[in-house]
Protein backbone atom coordinates (compact mmCIF):
# COMPACT_ATOMS: atom_id res chain seq x y z
CA MET A 1 8.82 24.18 12.24
CA LEU A 2 7.71 22.95 15.64
CA CYS A 3 4.45 24.01 17.13
CA ALA A 4 3.24 23.95 20.71
CA MET A 5 0.85 21.17 21.56
CA ALA A 6 -1.82 23.41 23.04
CA THR A 7 -5.42 22.26 23.16
CA LYS A 8 -7.75 24.62 21.32
CA LYS A 9 -11.51 24.52 21.18
CA GLY A 10 -11.74 23.95 17.40
CA ASP A 11 -8.81 21.51 17.20
CA ILE A 12 -9.86 18.28 15.47
CA SER A 13 -6.43 16.65 15.36
CA SER A 14 -7.42 14.30 18.18
CA TRP A 15 -10.07 12.83 15.89
CA ALA A 16 -7.42 11.64 13.43
CA VAL A 17 -6.52 8.54 15.44
CA GLY A 18 -10.17 7.51 15.78
CA GLY A 19 -10.78 8.18 12.11
CA GLY A 20 -7.74 6.11 11.17
CA LEU A 21 -9.02 3.29 13.35
CA MET A 22 -12.41 3.38 11.65
CA LEU A 23 -10.72 3.39 8.26
CA GLY A 24 -8.60 0.40 9.27
CA LEU A 25 -11.67 -1.45 10.49
CA GLY A 26 -13.53 -0.80 7.27
CA VAL A 27 -10.67 -2.02 5.09
CA GLY A 28 -9.92 -4.90 7.48
CA PHE A 29 -13.44 -6.33 7.22
CA PHE A 30 -12.75 -7.14 3.57
CA PHE A 31 -9.74 -9.24 4.62
CA LEU A 32 -11.41 -10.84 7.64
CA THR A 33 -12.76 -13.82 5.70
CA THR A 34 -9.35 -14.66 4.22
CA ASN A 35 -6.80 -13.83 6.92
CA VAL A 36 -7.18 -12.64 10.51
CA PHE A 37 -3.65 -11.23 10.57
CA ALA A 38 -4.46 -8.94 7.64
CA PHE A 39 -7.46 -7.68 9.62
CA VAL A 40 -5.28 -6.87 12.64
CA GLY A 41 -2.65 -5.34 10.35
CA CYS A 42 -5.23 -3.02 8.80
CA ILE A 43 -6.33 -1.87 12.24
CA LEU A 44 -2.73 -1.16 13.27
CA ALA A 45 -2.04 0.62 9.98
CA GLY A 46 -5.13 2.80 10.51
CA ILE A 47 -4.00 3.76 14.00
CA GLY A 48 -0.52 4.50 12.69
CA LEU A 49 -1.92 6.64 9.91
CA GLY A 50 -3.98 8.60 12.42
CA LEU A 51 -0.92 9.12 14.62
CA VAL A 52 1.01 10.48 11.64
CA ILE A 53 -1.78 12.82 10.54
CA ALA A 54 -2.62 14.18 14.03
CA PRO A 55 0.49 16.39 14.42
CA MET A 56 0.01 17.77 10.92
CA LEU A 57 -3.55 18.82 11.74
CA SER A 58 -2.60 20.41 15.04
CA CYS A 59 0.08 22.60 13.40
CA LYS A 60 -2.25 23.95 10.69
CA LYS A 61 -3.46 27.47 11.17
């Protein structure tokens, strides 16, 4: 089921990308001492996770 992408006052789906980024940073700091590419990969995975979760949160009622 598709939902309209309307902005509502209580909609927190836009926070999902920022939260995913923070999660990726937190996990990536553990890998920073061993491999820089793993750090960057964790950041990208966190952004991707946030982009996947954001539409799910905006469709919830």
